[in-house]
Amino acid sequence: MRRIDIHTHIITPAYRKALARNRNSPKLQKTTEGYMLWYGNGLKYAVDDRMLSIERKLKDFGQAKVDIQIIATAMPGMDSFNGQTLAMRVNDEIAQIVEDYPGKFLGAASVSLRDVPGAVEELDRATKDLGLRGVEVFTNVGGKQLDNEEFYPFYEKAITLDVPILIHPTEPLMAAVMGEYGLIGMVGYIFETTLATLRLILGGVFDRYPRLKIVLPHMGSTLPYLISRIDNQFRINPESRAKISKPPSEYFKLIYVDTAQSFYKPAIECALSLLGKDKILFGTDYPFANPTYSVESLSKALPERYTTAVFQDNAKSLFKIE
């Protein structure tokens, strides 16, 4: 069995330079211990060689006995920049890493959804010319929600190319009330992903595009645990039924989830009960989580009969890994 981590982050040289040049958010500032990346409404996270160094990634994942990493751009991504110029450079760099370290890395493309026609073109180039296996988008685009019809051409291109879309949280829309106690890291990103996914479902995106392949992080955020309440609201609230014809749980079963930062056995069992073993993929959220601990905790929580599917087979199928 090869362990495949579908959720790891990188800041490539071009992205690093672009962030360092910015005077306003998002910006990268040098510190005594590395860098601090500022983005959004005073939000920040530390950046060190786990994000910047390929050799460090190989070392950490070698210790964790993880064989392949699918690397994607770290927050806040390309939506903070105009056009696709930076996305193209970043995608070229990710493709070069994949080429330089065969069998160790695969890449997810970056695009800026502020420019949807350009994002469609870049997704086509990144997958056909560069061989990247997925595409990362964020939970809102400057506050604009993912069910907006403006993004439909991008979804259509992803379906045509049969490319999975990895949705990642960015600055939560409710960040202003989560500035204390570390709430954004604890629950802010989770609520943000929950909101984005429910808008995709209730907004009719999956009714229109049932072949759309969406991957959610963090074991589906809160959705597996709230799905009964969500379905009940669908039954009693006409507004929830305005654009969809089936209960939300039916659409949620079309979605894939990863295991990033999901260490609680009952939560993992809940997601397995709702989605089944074939829709759950191993992910760590490195460097925001320790890969060794992620492997160990998931291995203890998963029934043995599901181990190969979650750690390897589902990723091989979804991302076309031989």
Protein backbone atom coordinates (compact mmCIF):
# COMPACT_ATOMS: atom_id res chain seq x y z
CA MET A 1 0.00 0.00 0.00
CA ARG A 2 1.20 3.50 -0.86
CA ARG A 3 -0.08 6.24 1.42
CA ILE A 4 -1.24 9.25 -0.63
CA ASP A 5 -1.78 12.59 1.09
CA ILE A 6 -4.14 14.72 -0.99
CA HIS A 7 -3.96 17.85 1.21
CA THR A 8 -0.56 19.47 1.64
CA HIS A 9 0.50 23.07 1.12
CA ILE A 10 3.38 24.88 -0.50
CA ILE A 11 4.57 28.41 -1.12
CA THR A 12 6.56 28.31 -4.36
CA PRO A 13 9.28 30.87 -5.19
CA ALA A 14 7.02 32.95 -7.45
CA TYR A 15 4.25 33.05 -4.85
CA ARG A 16 6.77 33.92 -2.13
CA LYS A 17 8.18 36.82 -4.16
CA ALA A 18 4.71 38.16 -4.97
CA LEU A 19 3.74 38.10 -1.30
CA ALA A 20 7.02 39.70 -0.25
CA ARG A 21 6.53 42.57 -2.73
CA ASN A 22 3.09 43.44 -1.37
CA ARG A 23 2.86 46.27 1.12
CA ASN A 24 -0.75 45.52 1.91
CA SER A 25 -2.46 42.23 2.68
CA PRO A 26 -1.63 39.56 1.67
CA LYS A 27 2.02 40.07 2.49
CA LEU A 28 4.98 38.06 3.71
CA GLN A 29 7.15 39.59 6.41
CA LYS A 30 10.54 38.35 7.65
CA THR A 31 10.74 37.39 11.32
CA THR A 32 13.51 36.07 13.54
CA GLU A 33 12.18 32.53 13.08
CA GLY A 34 11.21 32.65 9.41
CA TYR A 35 8.26 34.54 7.95
CA MET A 36 4.77 35.67 8.89
CA LEU A 37 2.09 35.68 6.20
CA TRP A 38 -0.56 38.33 6.79
CA TYR A 39 -3.85 38.07 4.93
CA GLY A 40 -7.40 39.22 5.32
CA ASN A 41 -8.61 41.13 8.35
CA GLY A 42 -5.45 40.90 10.46
CA LEU A 43 -5.20 37.14 9.98
CA LYS A 44 -1.74 35.60 9.90
CA TYR A 45 0.20 32.36 10.10
CA ALA A 46 3.87 31.49 10.48
CA VAL A 47 5.80 30.28 7.45
CA ASP A 48 8.94 28.17 7.76
CA ASP A 49 10.83 25.59 5.72
CA ARG A 50 7.98 23.09 6.02
CA MET A 51 6.11 25.32 3.56
CA LEU A 52 9.15 26.40 1.53
CA SER A 53 11.55 23.46 1.38
CA ILE A 54 11.00 20.35 -0.72
CA GLU A 55 13.72 18.51 1.18
CA ARG A 56 11.98 19.23 4.48
CA LYS A 57 8.72 17.92 3.07
CA LEU A 58 10.40 14.72 1.93
CA LYS A 59 12.00 14.26 5.34
CA ASP A 60 8.78 14.79 7.31
CA PHE A 61 6.71 12.56 5.07
CA GLY A 62 9.42 9.92 4.97
CA GLN A 63 9.24 9.74 8.76
CA ALA A 64 5.46 9.47 8.53
CA LYS A 65 5.75 6.75 5.86
CA VAL A 66 3.65 8.72 3.41
CA ASP A 67 4.64 8.00 -0.18
CA ILE A 68 2.98 10.68 -2.32
CA GLN A 69 1.94 14.26 -1.58
CA ILE A 70 -0.51 16.26 -3.69
CA ILE A 71 0.72 19.82 -3.24
CA ALA A 72 -1.41 22.95 -3.55
CA THR A 73 -0.89 26.63 -2.89
CA ALA A 74 -1.26 27.84 0.69
CA MET A 75 -3.84 30.46 1.71
CA PRO A 76 -4.92 32.96 0.54
CA GLY A 77 -4.14 31.80 -3.01
CA MET A 78 -4.41 33.50 -6.35
CA ASP A 79 -7.71 35.32 -5.81
CA SER A 80 -5.75 38.12 -4.10
CA PHE A 81 -3.95 38.92 -7.36
CA ASN A 82 -5.17 40.24 -10.70
CA GLY A 83 -5.36 37.89 -13.66
CA GLN A 84 -3.66 34.52 -14.09
CA THR A 85 -0.02 35.59 -14.49
CA LEU A 86 1.02 34.54 -11.01
CA ALA A 87 -1.11 31.38 -11.16
CA MET A 88 0.68 30.36 -14.35
CA ARG A 89 4.10 30.83 -12.74
CA VAL A 90 3.06 28.91 -9.64
CA ASN A 91 1.63 26.06 -11.71
CA ASP A 92 4.83 25.88 -13.74
CA GLU A 93 6.82 25.63 -10.50
CA ILE A 94 4.57 22.92 -9.06
CA ALA A 95 4.83 20.94 -12.29
CA GLN A 96 8.62 21.25 -12.12
CA ILE A 97 8.65 19.84 -8.58
CA VAL A 98 6.58 16.88 -9.77
CA GLU A 99 9.06 16.30 -12.61
CA ASP A 100 12.13 16.69 -10.38
CA TYR A 101 10.87 14.23 -7.75
CA PRO A 102 9.13 11.45 -9.66
CA GLY A 103 6.82 9.32 -7.60
CA LYS A 104 6.90 11.71 -4.64
CA PHE A 105 4.66 14.61 -5.62
CA LEU A 106 1.60 15.40 -7.71
CA GLY A 107 0.20 18.87 -8.19
CA ALA A 108 -3.09 20.72 -7.87
CA ALA A 109 -3.42 23.78 -10.08
CA SER A 110 -3.94 27.32 -8.83
CA VAL A 111 -6.28 29.77 -10.56
CA SER A 112 -7.76 33.17 -9.80
CA LEU A 113 -11.55 33.02 -9.92
CA ARG A 114 -11.65 36.82 -10.05
CA ASP A 115 -11.05 36.21 -13.76
CA VAL A 116 -13.25 33.26 -14.70
CA PRO A 117 -12.43 33.14 -18.45
CA GLY A 118 -8.73 33.25 -17.57
CA ALA A 119 -9.21 30.56 -14.92
CA VAL A 120 -10.87 28.32 -17.51
CA GLU A 121 -7.91 28.76 -19.86
CA GLU A 122 -5.33 28.20 -17.13
CA LEU A 123 -7.07 25.08 -15.85
CA ASP A 124 -6.96 23.70 -19.38
CA ARG A 125 -3.23 24.48 -19.70
CA ALA A 126 -2.30 23.26 -16.22
CA THR A 127 -3.94 19.88 -16.70
CA LYS A 128 -3.24 19.20 -20.39
CA ASP A 129 0.23 20.74 -20.73
CA LEU A 130 1.59 20.46 -17.19
CA GLY A 131 -0.13 17.28 -16.04
CA LEU A 132 -1.53 18.68 -12.79
CA ARG A 133 -4.19 16.38 -11.32
CA GLY A 134 -6.69 18.72 -9.64
CA VAL A 135 -7.43 22.36 -9.00
CA GLU A 136 -7.72 24.27 -5.75
CA VAL A 137 -10.32 26.96 -5.19
CA PHE A 138 -11.23 28.85 -2.04
CA THR A 139 -14.52 29.08 -0.19
CA ASN A 140 -15.26 32.63 -1.25
CA VAL A 141 -13.83 34.90 -3.90
CA GLY A 142 -13.56 38.35 -2.38
CA GLY A 143 -16.83 37.62 -0.55
CA LYS A 144 -18.53 36.20 -3.64
CA GLN A 145 -20.05 32.76 -3.01
CA LEU A 146 -19.24 29.67 -5.08
CA ASP A 147 -22.85 29.11 -6.18
CA ASN A 148 -22.71 32.33 -8.19
CA GLU A 149 -23.54 31.62 -11.84
CA GLU A 150 -20.42 33.54 -12.83
CA PHE A 151 -18.41 30.44 -11.88
CA TYR A 152 -20.45 27.97 -13.98
CA PRO A 153 -18.04 28.02 -16.96
CA PHE A 154 -15.24 27.02 -14.61
CA TYR A 155 -17.26 24.08 -13.27
CA GLU A 156 -18.10 23.04 -16.82
CA LYS A 157 -14.42 23.03 -17.76
CA ALA A 158 -13.55 20.95 -14.69
CA ILE A 159 -16.21 18.41 -15.70
CA THR A 160 -14.97 18.31 -19.29
CA LEU A 161 -11.42 17.69 -18.09
CA ASP A 162 -12.62 15.29 -15.36
CA VAL A 163 -10.58 17.24 -12.81
CA PRO A 164 -11.46 17.21 -9.09
CA ILE A 165 -11.90 20.60 -7.41
CA LEU A 166 -10.33 20.85 -3.97
CA ILE A 167 -12.18 23.47 -1.93
CA HIS A 168 -10.12 25.11 0.79
CA PRO A 169 -11.24 27.69 3.36
CA THR A 170 -9.89 31.20 3.21
CA GLU A 171 -10.65 34.27 5.34
CA PRO A 172 -14.02 33.42 6.90
CA LEU A 173 -16.82 35.82 6.13
CA MET A 174 -17.59 35.87 9.88
CA ALA A 175 -13.95 36.61 10.82
CA ALA A 176 -14.83 39.92 12.48
CA VAL A 177 -16.52 38.11 15.39
CA MET A 178 -13.78 35.48 15.72
CA GLY A 179 -10.76 37.64 16.42
CA GLU A 180 -10.18 36.28 19.92
CA TYR A 181 -9.31 32.93 21.51
CA GLY A 182 -8.02 31.36 18.29
CA LEU A 183 -11.59 30.87 17.12
CA ILE A 184 -10.80 31.19 13.43
CA GLY A 185 -8.42 28.25 13.55
CA MET A 186 -10.71 26.25 15.82
CA VAL A 187 -14.03 26.69 14.03
CA GLY A 188 -13.89 29.65 11.63
CA TYR A 189 -12.47 27.75 8.68
CA ILE A 190 -14.81 24.83 9.38
CA PHE A 191 -17.90 27.05 9.41
CA GLU A 192 -16.66 28.80 6.25
CA THR A 193 -16.39 25.49 4.39
CA THR A 194 -19.78 24.41 5.69
CA LEU A 195 -21.35 27.61 4.36
CA ALA A 196 -19.67 27.33 0.95
CA THR A 197 -20.74 23.72 0.52
CA LEU A 198 -24.33 24.30 1.56
CA ARG A 199 -24.56 27.15 -0.92
CA LEU A 200 -23.31 24.85 -3.68
CA ILE A 201 -25.93 22.27 -2.70
CA LEU A 202 -28.89 24.56 -2.00
CA GLY A 203 -27.96 26.83 -4.91
CA GLY A 204 -28.55 23.97 -7.33
CA VAL A 205 -24.98 23.56 -8.57
CA PHE A 206 -25.05 19.78 -8.11
CA ASP A 207 -28.52 19.56 -9.65
CA ARG A 208 -27.08 21.27 -12.71
CA TYR A 209 -23.68 19.52 -12.61
CA PRO A 210 -24.07 16.08 -10.99
CA ARG A 211 -20.71 14.96 -12.43
CA LEU A 212 -18.84 17.74 -10.65
CA LYS A 213 -16.12 16.25 -8.43
CA ILE A 214 -15.72 18.30 -5.26
CA VAL A 215 -13.32 17.45 -2.43
CA LEU A 216 -13.92 19.03 0.98
CA PRO A 217 -11.27 19.21 3.68
CA HIS A 218 -11.50 18.34 7.37
CA MET A 219 -13.81 15.33 7.05
CA GLY A 220 -16.54 17.42 5.43
CA SER A 221 -16.42 20.14 8.08
CA THR A 222 -19.66 20.07 10.13
CA LEU A 223 -21.88 18.61 7.42
CA PRO A 224 -21.82 14.89 8.32
CA TYR A 225 -22.89 15.74 11.87
CA LEU A 226 -25.60 18.26 10.96
CA ILE A 227 -27.04 16.50 7.93
CA SER A 228 -30.24 15.35 9.68
CA ARG A 229 -31.00 18.90 10.78
CA ILE A 230 -30.18 20.20 7.29
CA ASP A 231 -32.53 17.70 5.67
CA ASN A 232 -35.27 18.58 8.16
CA GLN A 233 -34.92 22.28 7.35
CA PHE A 234 -35.22 21.35 3.67
CA ARG A 235 -38.52 19.62 4.44
CA ILE A 236 -40.06 22.44 6.49
CA ASN A 237 -38.59 25.54 4.84
CA PRO A 238 -39.76 26.29 1.27
CA GLU A 239 -36.83 28.64 0.77
CA SER A 240 -34.43 25.72 1.15
CA ARG A 241 -36.23 23.88 -1.65
CA ALA A 242 -36.20 26.78 -4.10
CA LYS A 243 -33.41 25.44 -6.35
CA ILE A 244 -33.07 21.73 -5.56
CA SER A 245 -35.31 18.72 -5.98
CA LYS A 246 -33.86 16.26 -3.44
CA PRO A 247 -32.83 16.44 0.22
CA PRO A 248 -29.37 17.99 0.73
CA SER A 249 -27.98 14.69 2.03
CA GLU A 250 -28.45 13.19 -1.44
CA TYR A 251 -26.19 15.83 -2.96
CA PHE A 252 -23.69 15.62 -0.14
CA LYS A 253 -23.16 11.96 -0.99
CA LEU A 254 -21.73 13.11 -4.33
CA ILE A 255 -18.90 14.92 -2.52
CA TYR A 256 -15.52 13.58 -1.45
CA VAL A 257 -13.91 14.53 1.86
CA ASP A 258 -10.40 14.31 3.24
CA THR A 259 -9.29 13.39 6.74
CA ALA A 260 -7.21 16.51 7.47
CA GLN A 261 -7.06 17.34 11.19
CA SER A 262 -9.76 14.76 11.93
CA PHE A 263 -8.42 12.84 14.91
CA TYR A 264 -11.63 11.87 16.76
CA LYS A 265 -12.80 8.32 16.12
CA PRO A 266 -16.58 8.97 16.53
CA ALA A 267 -16.34 11.83 14.01
CA ILE A 268 -14.57 9.58 11.52
CA GLU A 269 -17.20 6.89 12.07
CA CYS A 270 -19.94 9.44 11.44
CA ALA A 271 -18.48 10.42 8.07
CA LEU A 272 -17.98 6.78 7.13
CA SER A 273 -21.61 6.04 8.01
CA LEU A 274 -22.90 8.84 5.79
CA LEU A 275 -20.50 8.71 2.83
CA GLY A 276 -19.04 5.20 2.84
CA LYS A 277 -15.39 4.29 2.51
CA ASP A 278 -15.08 5.24 -1.17
CA LYS A 279 -15.63 8.98 -0.64
CA ILE A 280 -13.01 9.52 2.09
CA LEU A 281 -9.36 10.26 1.26
CA PHE A 282 -6.32 10.63 3.47
CA GLY A 283 -5.17 14.23 3.92
CA THR A 284 -3.03 15.95 6.54
CA ASP A 285 -3.21 19.73 5.92
CA TYR A 286 0.59 19.80 6.30
CA PRO A 287 2.30 21.86 7.63
CA PHE A 288 -0.68 22.85 9.79
CA ALA A 289 -0.83 19.29 11.12
CA ASN A 290 1.85 16.72 11.88
CA PRO A 291 1.88 13.97 9.23
CA THR A 292 3.12 11.24 11.58
CA TYR A 293 0.38 11.97 14.11
CA SER A 294 -2.16 12.16 11.28
CA VAL A 295 -1.21 8.71 10.01
CA GLU A 296 -1.16 7.16 13.47
CA SER A 297 -4.47 8.62 14.64
CA LEU A 298 -6.30 7.73 11.42
CA SER A 299 -4.86 4.21 11.42
CA LYS A 300 -6.21 3.66 14.93
CA ALA A 301 -9.64 5.09 14.13
CA LEU A 302 -10.28 3.37 10.78
CA PRO A 303 -11.63 -0.16 10.63
CA GLU A 304 -8.83 -2.25 9.12
CA ARG A 305 -10.97 -3.23 6.12
CA TYR A 306 -11.14 0.44 5.06
CA THR A 307 -7.44 1.29 5.44
CA THR A 308 -6.32 0.63 1.87
CA ALA A 309 -9.28 2.49 0.37
CA VAL A 310 -8.80 5.63 2.45
CA PHE A 311 -5.01 5.79 2.40
CA GLN A 312 -4.52 4.78 -1.23
CA ASP A 313 -7.24 3.47 -3.51
CA ASN A 314 -9.69 6.38 -3.43
CA ALA A 315 -6.94 8.88 -4.28
CA LYS A 316 -5.63 6.64 -7.06
CA SER A 317 -9.10 6.53 -8.61
CA LEU A 318 -10.01 10.19 -8.20
CA PHE A 319 -6.65 11.65 -9.26
CA LYS A 320 -5.85 8.94 -11.86
CA ILE A 321 -2.68 7.74 -10.18
CA GLU A 322 -1.13 4.58 -11.59
